[in-house]
Amino acid sequence: MVFELDNKKLEFPHPSYADEDGLLAIGGDLSADRLLLAYSNGIFPWFSDDTPILWYAPHPRFVIYPAKIKISKSMAACIRKKTFSISVDRSFHTVIQNCSAINRKDQDGTWITEDMIQAYTALHEIGYAHSVEVWQDGLLVGGLYGMLINGVFCGESMFSKVPNASKAALIYLAQEIDLQLIDCQFHTSHLESMGGEYLSLPDYLAILTKKPRYEQSL
């Protein structure tokens, strides 16, 4: 069942009511308060310019436990050679712009609309949305961004302009940041190859609510 949100009320139905494809609700806005409430309850927006705001809560959830991330031999060699340098929150706006513009196989256009860019940039400015940047010879060649809620990093998107750049960002996130969980949201074969696995909704929500709400520091 898909719920229609009341713009005047800051509330969501329980994520367990989401449809089989994860769709839970429609409408509302992208205010900081609504987005923080959504993420703290395992809900996130995913829509395009030609649709209203759609809110998802897929279950089971596809996640990576940081300690269980898989690193291929070629990727391990890339890390040893220090092919890239990596930073955190140095160029958030550039990362999200690149994520919105990158061409993706079997995908027509982007779900990262201008309204979403503005919303997540505002959340970054108050300390809740974060980016990992990957640099090579002084140029930004890859990265990712997402929300940090209660020790769970909810990954929104990543991009790569050279081989292995986005993998380097994800590995850095898993190994260098103190996280309980990386929420990949939906399954992809790429994320599965790096250790992604399914987690039941009750178990996911239990992890999400272990720490004080809205913990935000990387």
N, C-alpha and C. Protein backbone atom coordinates (compact mmCIF):
# COMPACT_ATOMS: atom_id res chain seq x y z
N MET A 1 0.84 -1.20 0.00
CA MET A 1 0.00 0.00 0.00
C MET A 1 0.87 1.24 0.00
N VAL A 2 0.58 2.18 -0.91
CA VAL A 2 1.35 3.41 -1.00
C VAL A 2 0.57 4.54 -0.33
N PHE A 3 1.20 5.21 0.61
CA PHE A 3 0.55 6.27 1.39
C PHE A 3 0.82 7.63 0.75
N GLU A 4 -0.17 8.51 0.82
CA GLU A 4 0.01 9.89 0.36
C GLU A 4 0.29 10.76 1.58
N LEU A 5 1.43 11.45 1.55
CA LEU A 5 1.83 12.25 2.69
C LEU A 5 1.09 13.58 2.71
N ASP A 6 0.82 14.05 3.90
CA ASP A 6 0.22 15.36 4.12
C ASP A 6 1.35 16.37 4.29
N ASN A 7 1.40 17.36 3.40
CA ASN A 7 2.48 18.33 3.45
C ASN A 7 2.53 19.11 4.76
N LYS A 8 1.41 19.14 5.46
CA LYS A 8 1.35 19.91 6.70
C LYS A 8 1.76 19.08 7.92
N LYS A 9 1.93 17.78 7.72
CA LYS A 9 2.30 16.91 8.83
C LYS A 9 3.65 16.27 8.57
N LEU A 10 4.52 16.31 9.57
CA LEU A 10 5.84 15.72 9.45
C LEU A 10 5.78 14.30 10.01
N GLU A 11 5.40 13.36 9.15
CA GLU A 11 5.26 11.98 9.59
C GLU A 11 5.34 11.03 8.41
N PHE A 12 5.70 9.78 8.70
CA PHE A 12 5.76 8.72 7.70
C PHE A 12 5.08 7.47 8.25
N PRO A 13 4.50 6.66 7.38
CA PRO A 13 4.03 5.34 7.83
C PRO A 13 5.23 4.47 8.17
N HIS A 14 5.01 3.41 8.91
CA HIS A 14 6.11 2.51 9.27
C HIS A 14 6.67 1.87 7.99
N PRO A 15 7.98 1.75 7.87
CA PRO A 15 8.57 1.21 6.64
C PRO A 15 8.12 -0.21 6.29
N SER A 16 7.62 -0.96 7.24
CA SER A 16 7.16 -2.32 6.96
C SER A 16 5.95 -2.34 6.03
N TYR A 17 5.30 -1.20 5.84
CA TYR A 17 4.14 -1.12 4.95
C TYR A 17 4.54 -0.93 3.49
N ALA A 18 5.81 -0.84 3.19
CA ALA A 18 6.25 -0.61 1.82
C ALA A 18 5.84 -1.76 0.90
N ASP A 19 5.60 -1.44 -0.36
CA ASP A 19 5.29 -2.46 -1.36
C ASP A 19 6.49 -3.36 -1.60
N GLU A 20 6.27 -4.41 -2.39
CA GLU A 20 7.33 -5.37 -2.68
C GLU A 20 8.55 -4.71 -3.30
N ASP A 21 8.33 -3.67 -4.12
CA ASP A 21 9.46 -2.98 -4.74
C ASP A 21 10.07 -1.91 -3.84
N GLY A 22 9.53 -1.75 -2.63
CA GLY A 22 10.08 -0.80 -1.67
C GLY A 22 9.35 0.52 -1.59
N LEU A 23 8.44 0.78 -2.53
CA LEU A 23 7.72 2.06 -2.51
C LEU A 23 6.79 2.13 -1.30
N LEU A 24 6.92 3.20 -0.54
CA LEU A 24 6.15 3.35 0.69
C LEU A 24 5.16 4.51 0.63
N ALA A 25 5.61 5.67 0.12
CA ALA A 25 4.77 6.86 0.20
C ALA A 25 5.06 7.79 -0.96
N ILE A 26 4.15 8.74 -1.14
CA ILE A 26 4.26 9.71 -2.22
C ILE A 26 3.93 11.09 -1.65
N GLY A 27 4.62 12.11 -2.17
CA GLY A 27 4.32 13.47 -1.75
C GLY A 27 5.28 14.00 -0.70
N GLY A 28 4.83 15.01 0.03
CA GLY A 28 5.68 15.64 1.01
C GLY A 28 6.66 16.61 0.37
N ASP A 29 7.77 16.84 1.05
CA ASP A 29 8.78 17.77 0.54
C ASP A 29 10.16 17.24 0.88
N LEU A 30 11.17 18.02 0.51
CA LEU A 30 12.56 17.63 0.76
C LEU A 30 13.20 18.54 1.81
N SER A 31 12.41 18.97 2.77
CA SER A 31 12.96 19.80 3.85
C SER A 31 13.93 18.98 4.69
N ALA A 32 14.84 19.65 5.35
CA ALA A 32 15.83 18.96 6.18
C ALA A 32 15.14 18.12 7.26
N ASP A 33 14.11 18.68 7.89
CA ASP A 33 13.42 17.95 8.96
C ASP A 33 12.78 16.67 8.43
N ARG A 34 12.16 16.75 7.26
CA ARG A 34 11.50 15.55 6.72
C ARG A 34 12.53 14.51 6.30
N LEU A 35 13.62 14.94 5.68
CA LEU A 35 14.65 14.00 5.26
C LEU A 35 15.30 13.32 6.46
N LEU A 36 15.57 14.07 7.51
CA LEU A 36 16.17 13.47 8.71
C LEU A 36 15.22 12.47 9.35
N LEU A 37 13.94 12.80 9.39
CA LEU A 37 12.96 11.87 9.94
C LEU A 37 12.89 10.61 9.08
N ALA A 38 12.93 10.79 7.76
CA ALA A 38 12.87 9.65 6.86
C ALA A 38 14.06 8.71 7.08
N TYR A 39 15.26 9.25 7.01
CA TYR A 39 16.45 8.40 7.13
C TYR A 39 16.56 7.73 8.49
N SER A 40 16.12 8.41 9.53
CA SER A 40 16.20 7.81 10.86
C SER A 40 15.21 6.67 11.03
N ASN A 41 14.30 6.52 10.04
CA ASN A 41 13.33 5.42 10.07
C ASN A 41 13.50 4.48 8.87
N GLY A 42 14.66 4.54 8.23
CA GLY A 42 14.94 3.62 7.14
C GLY A 42 14.23 3.93 5.84
N ILE A 43 13.92 5.21 5.61
CA ILE A 43 13.16 5.64 4.43
C ILE A 43 13.99 6.67 3.67
N PHE A 44 13.93 6.65 2.34
CA PHE A 44 14.68 7.63 1.55
C PHE A 44 13.90 7.99 0.29
N PRO A 45 14.15 9.18 -0.27
CA PRO A 45 13.46 9.59 -1.50
C PRO A 45 14.19 9.07 -2.73
N TRP A 46 13.42 8.72 -3.75
CA TRP A 46 14.00 8.26 -5.02
C TRP A 46 12.96 8.50 -6.10
N PHE A 47 13.21 9.47 -6.95
CA PHE A 47 12.22 9.85 -7.96
C PHE A 47 12.93 10.61 -9.07
N SER A 48 12.20 11.02 -10.08
CA SER A 48 12.77 11.77 -11.19
C SER A 48 11.98 13.06 -11.39
N ASP A 49 12.45 13.87 -12.34
CA ASP A 49 11.82 15.17 -12.56
C ASP A 49 10.36 15.06 -13.00
N ASP A 50 10.00 13.96 -13.64
CA ASP A 50 8.64 13.85 -14.17
C ASP A 50 7.70 13.05 -13.25
N THR A 51 8.10 12.86 -11.99
CA THR A 51 7.23 12.19 -11.02
C THR A 51 7.16 13.04 -9.75
N PRO A 52 6.15 12.82 -8.93
CA PRO A 52 6.14 13.45 -7.61
C PRO A 52 7.24 12.83 -6.75
N ILE A 53 7.44 13.35 -5.54
CA ILE A 53 8.42 12.77 -4.64
C ILE A 53 7.96 11.39 -4.20
N LEU A 54 8.81 10.40 -4.38
CA LEU A 54 8.51 9.03 -4.00
C LEU A 54 9.45 8.61 -2.87
N TRP A 55 8.92 7.92 -1.88
CA TRP A 55 9.70 7.51 -0.71
C TRP A 55 9.76 5.99 -0.65
N TYR A 56 10.96 5.46 -0.46
CA TYR A 56 11.18 4.02 -0.48
C TYR A 56 11.72 3.50 0.85
N ALA A 57 11.38 2.26 1.13
CA ALA A 57 11.91 1.55 2.29
C ALA A 57 12.01 0.07 1.92
N PRO A 58 12.97 -0.28 1.06
CA PRO A 58 13.05 -1.66 0.58
C PRO A 58 13.36 -2.64 1.70
N HIS A 59 12.72 -3.80 1.65
CA HIS A 59 13.04 -4.84 2.62
C HIS A 59 12.91 -6.19 1.93
N PRO A 60 13.90 -7.07 2.15
CA PRO A 60 15.07 -6.83 3.00
C PRO A 60 15.97 -5.75 2.40
N ARG A 61 16.86 -5.23 3.21
CA ARG A 61 17.76 -4.15 2.80
C ARG A 61 19.08 -4.74 2.34
N PHE A 62 19.70 -4.11 1.34
CA PHE A 62 21.01 -4.57 0.88
C PHE A 62 22.07 -3.69 1.54
N VAL A 63 22.98 -4.33 2.26
CA VAL A 63 23.94 -3.60 3.10
C VAL A 63 25.33 -4.19 2.98
N ILE A 64 26.31 -3.44 3.46
CA ILE A 64 27.67 -3.94 3.63
C ILE A 64 28.08 -3.70 5.07
N TYR A 65 28.49 -4.77 5.74
CA TYR A 65 29.11 -4.61 7.05
C TYR A 65 30.56 -4.18 6.81
N PRO A 66 31.00 -3.06 7.37
CA PRO A 66 32.35 -2.56 7.08
C PRO A 66 33.45 -3.60 7.24
N ALA A 67 33.39 -4.41 8.28
CA ALA A 67 34.44 -5.40 8.53
C ALA A 67 34.43 -6.53 7.50
N LYS A 68 33.36 -6.65 6.73
CA LYS A 68 33.24 -7.76 5.79
C LYS A 68 33.39 -7.31 4.33
N ILE A 69 33.85 -6.07 4.12
CA ILE A 69 33.99 -5.61 2.74
C ILE A 69 35.04 -6.46 2.02
N LYS A 70 34.75 -6.79 0.76
CA LYS A 70 35.64 -7.64 -0.03
C LYS A 70 36.51 -6.77 -0.94
N ILE A 71 37.80 -7.05 -0.92
CA ILE A 71 38.75 -6.30 -1.73
C ILE A 71 39.46 -7.28 -2.66
N SER A 72 39.30 -7.10 -3.96
CA SER A 72 39.93 -7.99 -4.92
C SER A 72 41.45 -7.81 -4.91
N LYS A 73 42.16 -8.77 -5.49
CA LYS A 73 43.62 -8.69 -5.53
C LYS A 73 44.07 -7.45 -6.32
N SER A 74 43.38 -7.18 -7.42
CA SER A 74 43.76 -6.02 -8.22
C SER A 74 43.49 -4.72 -7.46
N MET A 75 42.39 -4.69 -6.70
CA MET A 75 42.08 -3.49 -5.92
C MET A 75 43.06 -3.33 -4.77
N ALA A 76 43.46 -4.44 -4.15
CA ALA A 76 44.44 -4.38 -3.08
C ALA A 76 45.77 -3.84 -3.60
N ALA A 77 46.15 -4.25 -4.80
CA ALA A 77 47.38 -3.74 -5.41
C ALA A 77 47.27 -2.25 -5.69
N CYS A 78 46.10 -1.82 -6.14
CA CYS A 78 45.86 -0.40 -6.40
C CYS A 78 46.02 0.42 -5.12
N ILE A 79 45.52 -0.11 -4.01
CA ILE A 79 45.64 0.59 -2.73
C ILE A 79 47.10 0.63 -2.28
N ARG A 80 47.82 -0.48 -2.43
CA ARG A 80 49.23 -0.52 -2.02
C ARG A 80 50.07 0.47 -2.81
N LYS A 81 49.75 0.63 -4.08
CA LYS A 81 50.50 1.54 -4.94
C LYS A 81 50.15 3.00 -4.68
N LYS A 82 49.13 3.22 -3.85
CA LYS A 82 48.66 4.58 -3.55
C LYS A 82 48.32 5.33 -4.84
N THR A 83 47.55 4.64 -5.68
CA THR A 83 47.13 5.23 -6.95
C THR A 83 46.31 6.49 -6.74
N PHE A 84 45.52 6.49 -5.67
CA PHE A 84 44.63 7.62 -5.39
C PHE A 84 44.95 8.25 -4.04
N SER A 85 44.56 9.50 -3.90
CA SER A 85 44.47 10.13 -2.58
C SER A 85 43.00 10.37 -2.30
N ILE A 86 42.63 10.30 -1.03
CA ILE A 86 41.21 10.34 -0.67
C ILE A 86 40.97 11.38 0.41
N SER A 87 39.86 12.08 0.28
CA SER A 87 39.46 13.09 1.26
C SER A 87 38.00 12.89 1.63
N VAL A 88 37.59 13.56 2.69
CA VAL A 88 36.21 13.50 3.16
C VAL A 88 35.66 14.91 3.27
N ASP A 89 34.50 15.13 2.67
CA ASP A 89 33.79 16.42 2.77
C ASP A 89 34.60 17.60 2.25
N ARG A 90 35.49 17.34 1.32
CA ARG A 90 36.28 18.43 0.74
C ARG A 90 35.55 19.10 -0.42
N SER A 91 34.79 18.30 -1.20
CA SER A 91 34.13 18.85 -2.39
C SER A 91 32.75 18.21 -2.56
N PHE A 92 31.91 18.35 -1.54
CA PHE A 92 30.60 17.68 -1.57
C PHE A 92 29.80 18.08 -2.80
N HIS A 93 29.71 19.37 -3.07
CA HIS A 93 28.85 19.80 -4.17
C HIS A 93 29.35 19.26 -5.51
N THR A 94 30.66 19.21 -5.70
CA THR A 94 31.21 18.68 -6.95
C THR A 94 30.93 17.18 -7.08
N VAL A 95 31.00 16.46 -5.96
CA VAL A 95 30.71 15.02 -5.99
C VAL A 95 29.25 14.78 -6.39
N ILE A 96 28.32 15.47 -5.76
CA ILE A 96 26.92 15.22 -6.08
C ILE A 96 26.58 15.66 -7.51
N GLN A 97 27.23 16.70 -7.98
CA GLN A 97 27.02 17.12 -9.38
C GLN A 97 27.53 16.06 -10.33
N ASN A 98 28.68 15.46 -10.03
CA ASN A 98 29.21 14.40 -10.88
C ASN A 98 28.32 13.17 -10.84
N CYS A 99 27.81 12.84 -9.67
CA CYS A 99 26.91 11.69 -9.55
C CYS A 99 25.65 11.90 -10.39
N SER A 100 25.19 13.13 -10.46
CA SER A 100 23.96 13.41 -11.22
C SER A 100 24.20 13.38 -12.72
N ALA A 101 25.44 13.63 -13.14
CA ALA A 101 25.73 13.76 -14.56
C ALA A 101 26.30 12.50 -15.19
N ILE A 102 26.78 11.55 -14.38
CA ILE A 102 27.46 10.38 -14.93
C ILE A 102 26.49 9.50 -15.71
N ASN A 103 26.92 8.99 -16.84
CA ASN A 103 26.10 8.07 -17.63
C ASN A 103 26.14 6.69 -17.00
N ARG A 104 24.97 6.07 -16.83
CA ARG A 104 24.89 4.76 -16.20
C ARG A 104 24.23 3.77 -17.14
N LYS A 105 24.78 2.57 -17.20
CA LYS A 105 24.26 1.53 -18.08
C LYS A 105 22.81 1.20 -17.74
N ASP A 106 21.99 1.07 -18.78
CA ASP A 106 20.59 0.66 -18.63
C ASP A 106 19.77 1.65 -17.81
N GLN A 107 20.18 2.92 -17.79
CA GLN A 107 19.42 3.90 -17.03
C GLN A 107 19.24 5.16 -17.86
N ASP A 108 18.02 5.59 -18.02
CA ASP A 108 17.69 6.77 -18.80
C ASP A 108 17.60 7.98 -17.87
N GLY A 109 18.63 8.82 -17.90
CA GLY A 109 18.60 10.01 -17.07
C GLY A 109 19.06 9.73 -15.64
N THR A 110 18.72 10.64 -14.75
CA THR A 110 19.18 10.56 -13.37
C THR A 110 18.04 10.79 -12.40
N TRP A 111 18.14 10.21 -11.21
CA TRP A 111 17.17 10.48 -10.15
C TRP A 111 17.65 11.63 -9.26
N ILE A 112 18.87 12.11 -9.51
CA ILE A 112 19.41 13.20 -8.68
C ILE A 112 19.01 14.51 -9.33
N THR A 113 17.82 14.95 -9.02
CA THR A 113 17.27 16.17 -9.60
C THR A 113 17.91 17.40 -8.97
N GLU A 114 17.66 18.54 -9.55
CA GLU A 114 18.21 19.78 -9.00
C GLU A 114 17.66 20.03 -7.60
N ASP A 115 16.40 19.70 -7.37
CA ASP A 115 15.82 19.85 -6.03
C ASP A 115 16.54 18.96 -5.01
N MET A 116 16.90 17.74 -5.44
CA MET A 116 17.62 16.85 -4.54
C MET A 116 19.03 17.36 -4.28
N ILE A 117 19.68 17.89 -5.29
CA ILE A 117 21.01 18.46 -5.09
C ILE A 117 20.96 19.57 -4.05
N GLN A 118 19.98 20.43 -4.18
CA GLN A 118 19.85 21.53 -3.21
C GLN A 118 19.55 21.01 -1.82
N ALA A 119 18.69 19.99 -1.72
CA ALA A 119 18.30 19.46 -0.42
C ALA A 119 19.48 18.80 0.29
N TYR A 120 20.25 17.99 -0.43
CA TYR A 120 21.37 17.29 0.20
C TYR A 120 22.54 18.24 0.46
N THR A 121 22.68 19.25 -0.37
CA THR A 121 23.71 20.25 -0.10
C THR A 121 23.38 20.99 1.19
N ALA A 122 22.11 21.30 1.40
CA ALA A 122 21.70 21.95 2.65
C ALA A 122 21.97 21.03 3.84
N LEU A 123 21.72 19.73 3.69
CA LEU A 123 21.99 18.78 4.78
C LEU A 123 23.50 18.65 5.02
N HIS A 124 24.28 18.76 3.96
CA HIS A 124 25.73 18.75 4.13
C HIS A 124 26.19 19.96 4.94
N GLU A 125 25.60 21.09 4.66
CA GLU A 125 25.99 22.33 5.34
C GLU A 125 25.69 22.30 6.83
N ILE A 126 24.72 21.48 7.24
CA ILE A 126 24.43 21.37 8.68
C ILE A 126 24.96 20.06 9.27
N GLY A 127 25.76 19.34 8.48
CA GLY A 127 26.53 18.24 9.03
C GLY A 127 25.97 16.85 8.92
N TYR A 128 24.96 16.62 8.08
CA TYR A 128 24.35 15.29 8.01
C TYR A 128 24.65 14.54 6.72
N ALA A 129 24.86 15.22 5.64
CA ALA A 129 25.23 14.58 4.38
C ALA A 129 26.74 14.73 4.19
N HIS A 130 27.36 13.66 3.69
CA HIS A 130 28.82 13.65 3.60
C HIS A 130 29.27 13.08 2.25
N SER A 131 30.50 13.40 1.90
CA SER A 131 31.07 12.89 0.66
C SER A 131 32.47 12.34 0.91
N VAL A 132 32.83 11.37 0.09
CA VAL A 132 34.20 10.87 0.03
C VAL A 132 34.70 11.16 -1.38
N GLU A 133 35.85 11.83 -1.48
CA GLU A 133 36.39 12.21 -2.78
C GLU A 133 37.65 11.41 -3.09
N VAL A 134 37.81 11.03 -4.34
CA VAL A 134 38.98 10.28 -4.79
C VAL A 134 39.71 11.13 -5.83
N TRP A 135 41.00 11.34 -5.58
CA TRP A 135 41.81 12.24 -6.41
C TRP A 135 42.94 11.48 -7.07
N GLN A 136 43.29 11.91 -8.28
CA GLN A 136 44.44 11.36 -8.98
C GLN A 136 45.13 12.49 -9.72
N ASP A 137 46.38 12.70 -9.39
CA ASP A 137 47.15 13.80 -9.98
C ASP A 137 46.44 15.14 -9.82
N GLY A 138 45.82 15.33 -8.66
CA GLY A 138 45.16 16.60 -8.37
C GLY A 138 43.77 16.75 -8.94
N LEU A 139 43.29 15.75 -9.66
CA LEU A 139 41.96 15.82 -10.28
C LEU A 139 40.99 14.91 -9.54
N LEU A 140 39.74 15.36 -9.42
CA LEU A 140 38.69 14.54 -8.81
C LEU A 140 38.24 13.50 -9.83
N VAL A 141 38.50 12.23 -9.52
CA VAL A 141 38.20 11.17 -10.49
C VAL A 141 37.13 10.20 -10.01
N GLY A 142 36.65 10.38 -8.79
CA GLY A 142 35.60 9.49 -8.28
C GLY A 142 35.15 9.94 -6.91
N GLY A 143 34.09 9.30 -6.43
CA GLY A 143 33.61 9.64 -5.10
C GLY A 143 32.22 9.09 -4.85
N LEU A 144 31.73 9.37 -3.68
CA LEU A 144 30.39 8.96 -3.28
C LEU A 144 29.84 9.96 -2.28
N TYR A 145 28.53 9.93 -2.08
CA TYR A 145 27.93 10.76 -1.04
C TYR A 145 26.75 10.02 -0.43
N GLY A 146 26.37 10.45 0.76
CA GLY A 146 25.23 9.83 1.44
C GLY A 146 24.95 10.50 2.76
N MET A 147 24.06 9.89 3.51
CA MET A 147 23.64 10.41 4.81
C MET A 147 24.20 9.54 5.93
N LEU A 148 24.63 10.19 7.00
CA LEU A 148 25.09 9.46 8.18
C LEU A 148 24.07 9.63 9.29
N ILE A 149 23.43 8.54 9.66
CA ILE A 149 22.41 8.54 10.70
C ILE A 149 22.73 7.44 11.70
N ASN A 150 23.03 7.82 12.93
CA ASN A 150 23.22 6.84 14.01
C ASN A 150 24.25 5.76 13.68
N GLY A 151 25.35 6.16 13.08
CA GLY A 151 26.40 5.21 12.76
C GLY A 151 26.15 4.38 11.53
N VAL A 152 25.05 4.65 10.81
CA VAL A 152 24.75 3.97 9.55
C VAL A 152 24.94 4.97 8.41
N PHE A 153 25.80 4.63 7.46
CA PHE A 153 26.00 5.49 6.30
C PHE A 153 25.07 5.02 5.20
N CYS A 154 24.11 5.86 4.86
CA CYS A 154 23.13 5.54 3.82
C CYS A 154 23.66 6.07 2.49
N GLY A 155 24.26 5.20 1.70
CA GLY A 155 24.87 5.62 0.45
C GLY A 155 23.82 6.01 -0.58
N GLU A 156 23.99 7.17 -1.17
CA GLU A 156 23.04 7.64 -2.18
C GLU A 156 23.52 7.39 -3.59
N SER A 157 24.76 7.73 -3.88
CA SER A 157 25.26 7.53 -5.23
C SER A 157 26.79 7.61 -5.23
N MET A 158 27.38 7.08 -6.29
CA MET A 158 28.82 7.17 -6.47
C MET A 158 29.13 7.39 -7.94
N PHE A 159 30.33 7.84 -8.24
CA PHE A 159 30.73 8.00 -9.64
C PHE A 159 32.21 7.67 -9.76
N SER A 160 32.60 7.36 -10.98
CA SER A 160 33.99 7.01 -11.25
C SER A 160 34.34 7.45 -12.66
N LYS A 161 35.41 8.22 -12.79
CA LYS A 161 35.87 8.65 -14.11
C LYS A 161 37.05 7.82 -14.59
N VAL A 162 37.66 7.07 -13.69
CA VAL A 162 38.75 6.17 -14.04
C VAL A 162 38.49 4.85 -13.33
N PRO A 163 39.05 3.74 -13.81
CA PRO A 163 38.81 2.45 -13.17
C PRO A 163 39.18 2.46 -11.68
N ASN A 164 38.33 1.84 -10.89
CA ASN A 164 38.55 1.59 -9.45
C ASN A 164 38.35 2.80 -8.54
N ALA A 165 38.03 3.96 -9.07
CA ALA A 165 37.93 5.15 -8.22
C ALA A 165 36.78 5.06 -7.23
N SER A 166 35.60 4.64 -7.70
CA SER A 166 34.46 4.55 -6.77
C SER A 166 34.67 3.41 -5.78
N LYS A 167 35.34 2.33 -6.21
CA LYS A 167 35.67 1.24 -5.29
C LYS A 167 36.58 1.75 -4.17
N ALA A 168 37.54 2.58 -4.54
CA ALA A 168 38.46 3.13 -3.54
C ALA A 168 37.70 3.97 -2.52
N ALA A 169 36.70 4.72 -2.97
CA ALA A 169 35.90 5.53 -2.05
C ALA A 169 35.12 4.65 -1.08
N LEU A 170 34.52 3.58 -1.59
CA LEU A 170 33.73 2.69 -0.74
C LEU A 170 34.62 1.95 0.26
N ILE A 171 35.78 1.51 -0.18
CA ILE A 171 36.70 0.81 0.72
C ILE A 171 37.19 1.76 1.82
N TYR A 172 37.49 2.98 1.45
CA TYR A 172 37.90 3.97 2.45
C TYR A 172 36.79 4.18 3.47
N LEU A 173 35.57 4.30 3.00
CA LEU A 173 34.44 4.49 3.90
C LEU A 173 34.33 3.34 4.89
N ALA A 174 34.52 2.12 4.40
CA ALA A 174 34.39 0.94 5.26
C ALA A 174 35.55 0.80 6.24
N GLN A 175 36.74 1.14 5.79
CA GLN A 175 37.93 0.86 6.61
C GLN A 175 38.37 2.02 7.49
N GLU A 176 38.08 3.23 7.09
CA GLU A 176 38.63 4.38 7.79
C GLU A 176 37.61 5.16 8.62
N ILE A 177 36.33 4.90 8.44
CA ILE A 177 35.29 5.60 9.17
C ILE A 177 34.62 4.62 10.14
N ASP A 178 34.38 5.06 11.36
CA ASP A 178 33.77 4.19 12.37
C ASP A 178 32.27 4.10 12.13
N LEU A 179 31.85 3.05 11.42
CA LEU A 179 30.45 2.86 11.06
C LEU A 179 29.94 1.52 11.56
N GLN A 180 28.65 1.48 11.85
CA GLN A 180 28.00 0.20 12.15
C GLN A 180 27.66 -0.55 10.87
N LEU A 181 27.29 0.21 9.84
CA LEU A 181 26.72 -0.40 8.64
C LEU A 181 26.79 0.59 7.49
N ILE A 182 26.97 0.06 6.28
CA ILE A 182 26.81 0.85 5.07
C ILE A 182 25.53 0.37 4.39
N ASP A 183 24.56 1.24 4.28
CA ASP A 183 23.27 0.91 3.68
C ASP A 183 23.36 1.18 2.18
N CYS A 184 23.35 0.10 1.38
CA CYS A 184 23.41 0.22 -0.07
C CYS A 184 22.02 0.41 -0.68
N GLN A 185 20.98 0.23 0.13
CA GLN A 185 19.59 0.40 -0.25
C GLN A 185 19.08 -0.70 -1.17
N PHE A 186 19.57 -0.76 -2.40
CA PHE A 186 19.14 -1.78 -3.35
C PHE A 186 20.31 -2.66 -3.78
N HIS A 187 19.99 -3.87 -4.20
CA HIS A 187 21.01 -4.81 -4.68
C HIS A 187 21.57 -4.40 -6.03
N THR A 188 22.90 -4.50 -6.18
CA THR A 188 23.55 -4.48 -7.49
C THR A 188 24.63 -5.55 -7.45
N SER A 189 24.96 -6.10 -8.61
CA SER A 189 25.99 -7.12 -8.66
C SER A 189 27.35 -6.55 -8.26
N HIS A 190 27.57 -5.28 -8.59
CA HIS A 190 28.83 -4.63 -8.22
C HIS A 190 28.99 -4.58 -6.70
N LEU A 191 27.95 -4.16 -6.00
CA LEU A 191 28.02 -4.08 -4.55
C LEU A 191 28.07 -5.46 -3.92
N GLU A 192 27.39 -6.42 -4.54
CA GLU A 192 27.46 -7.79 -4.03
C GLU A 192 28.90 -8.31 -4.10
N SER A 193 29.60 -7.97 -5.17
CA SER A 193 30.98 -8.44 -5.33
C SER A 193 31.90 -7.83 -4.28
N MET A 194 31.46 -6.73 -3.67
CA MET A 194 32.27 -6.09 -2.64
C MET A 194 31.80 -6.42 -1.22
N GLY A 195 30.91 -7.39 -1.12
CA GLY A 195 30.49 -7.85 0.19
C GLY A 195 29.07 -7.54 0.57
N GLY A 196 28.31 -6.99 -0.36
CA GLY A 196 26.92 -6.65 -0.05
C GLY A 196 26.08 -7.89 0.24
N GLU A 197 25.16 -7.77 1.17
CA GLU A 197 24.28 -8.87 1.54
C GLU A 197 22.94 -8.31 2.00
N TYR A 198 21.94 -9.18 2.06
CA TYR A 198 20.62 -8.75 2.49
C TYR A 198 20.50 -8.80 4.01
N LEU A 199 19.75 -7.83 4.53
CA LEU A 199 19.49 -7.75 5.96
C LEU A 199 18.00 -7.50 6.15
N SER A 200 17.37 -8.23 7.05
CA SER A 200 15.93 -8.07 7.26
C SER A 200 15.63 -6.66 7.77
N LEU A 201 14.43 -6.20 7.50
CA LEU A 201 14.03 -4.87 7.96
C LEU A 201 14.11 -4.73 9.48
N PRO A 202 13.59 -5.68 10.27
CA PRO A 202 13.70 -5.54 11.73
C PRO A 202 15.15 -5.43 12.21
N ASP A 203 16.05 -6.24 11.61
CA ASP A 203 17.45 -6.18 12.02
C ASP A 203 18.09 -4.87 11.59
N TYR A 204 17.72 -4.40 10.40
CA TYR A 204 18.24 -3.12 9.93
C TYR A 204 17.80 -1.98 10.85
N LEU A 205 16.53 -1.94 11.19
CA LEU A 205 16.03 -0.87 12.05
C LEU A 205 16.62 -0.96 13.45
N ALA A 206 16.90 -2.17 13.92
CA ALA A 206 17.51 -2.33 15.24
C ALA A 206 18.90 -1.70 15.27
N ILE A 207 19.67 -1.89 14.19
CA ILE A 207 20.99 -1.28 14.10
C ILE A 207 20.87 0.23 13.97
N LEU A 208 19.93 0.68 13.17
CA LEU A 208 19.75 2.11 12.91
C LEU A 208 19.42 2.89 14.17
N THR A 209 18.77 2.24 15.12
CA THR A 209 18.32 2.96 16.33
C THR A 209 19.17 2.65 17.55
N LYS A 210 20.33 2.04 17.38
CA LYS A 210 21.18 1.69 18.53
C LYS A 210 21.82 2.92 19.17
N LYS A 211 22.18 3.89 18.36
CA LYS A 211 22.90 5.06 18.87
C LYS A 211 21.95 6.26 18.96
N PRO A 212 22.39 7.35 19.60
CA PRO A 212 21.55 8.55 19.69
C PRO A 212 21.15 9.03 18.29
N ARG A 213 19.93 9.47 18.16
CA ARG A 213 19.40 9.87 16.86
C ARG A 213 20.21 11.00 16.25
N TYR A 214 20.37 10.93 14.93
CA TYR A 214 20.99 11.96 14.14
C TYR A 214 22.47 12.16 14.44
N GLU A 215 23.17 11.13 14.94
CA GLU A 215 24.61 11.27 15.07
C GLU A 215 25.17 11.59 13.70
N GLN A 216 26.04 12.58 13.60
CA GLN A 216 26.36 13.12 12.29
C GLN A 216 27.84 13.23 11.96
N SER A 217 28.74 12.97 12.87
CA SER A 217 30.15 13.26 12.63
C SER A 217 30.84 12.10 11.93
N LEU A 218 31.62 12.43 10.89
CA LEU A 218 32.51 11.46 10.27
C LEU A 218 33.89 11.55 10.91
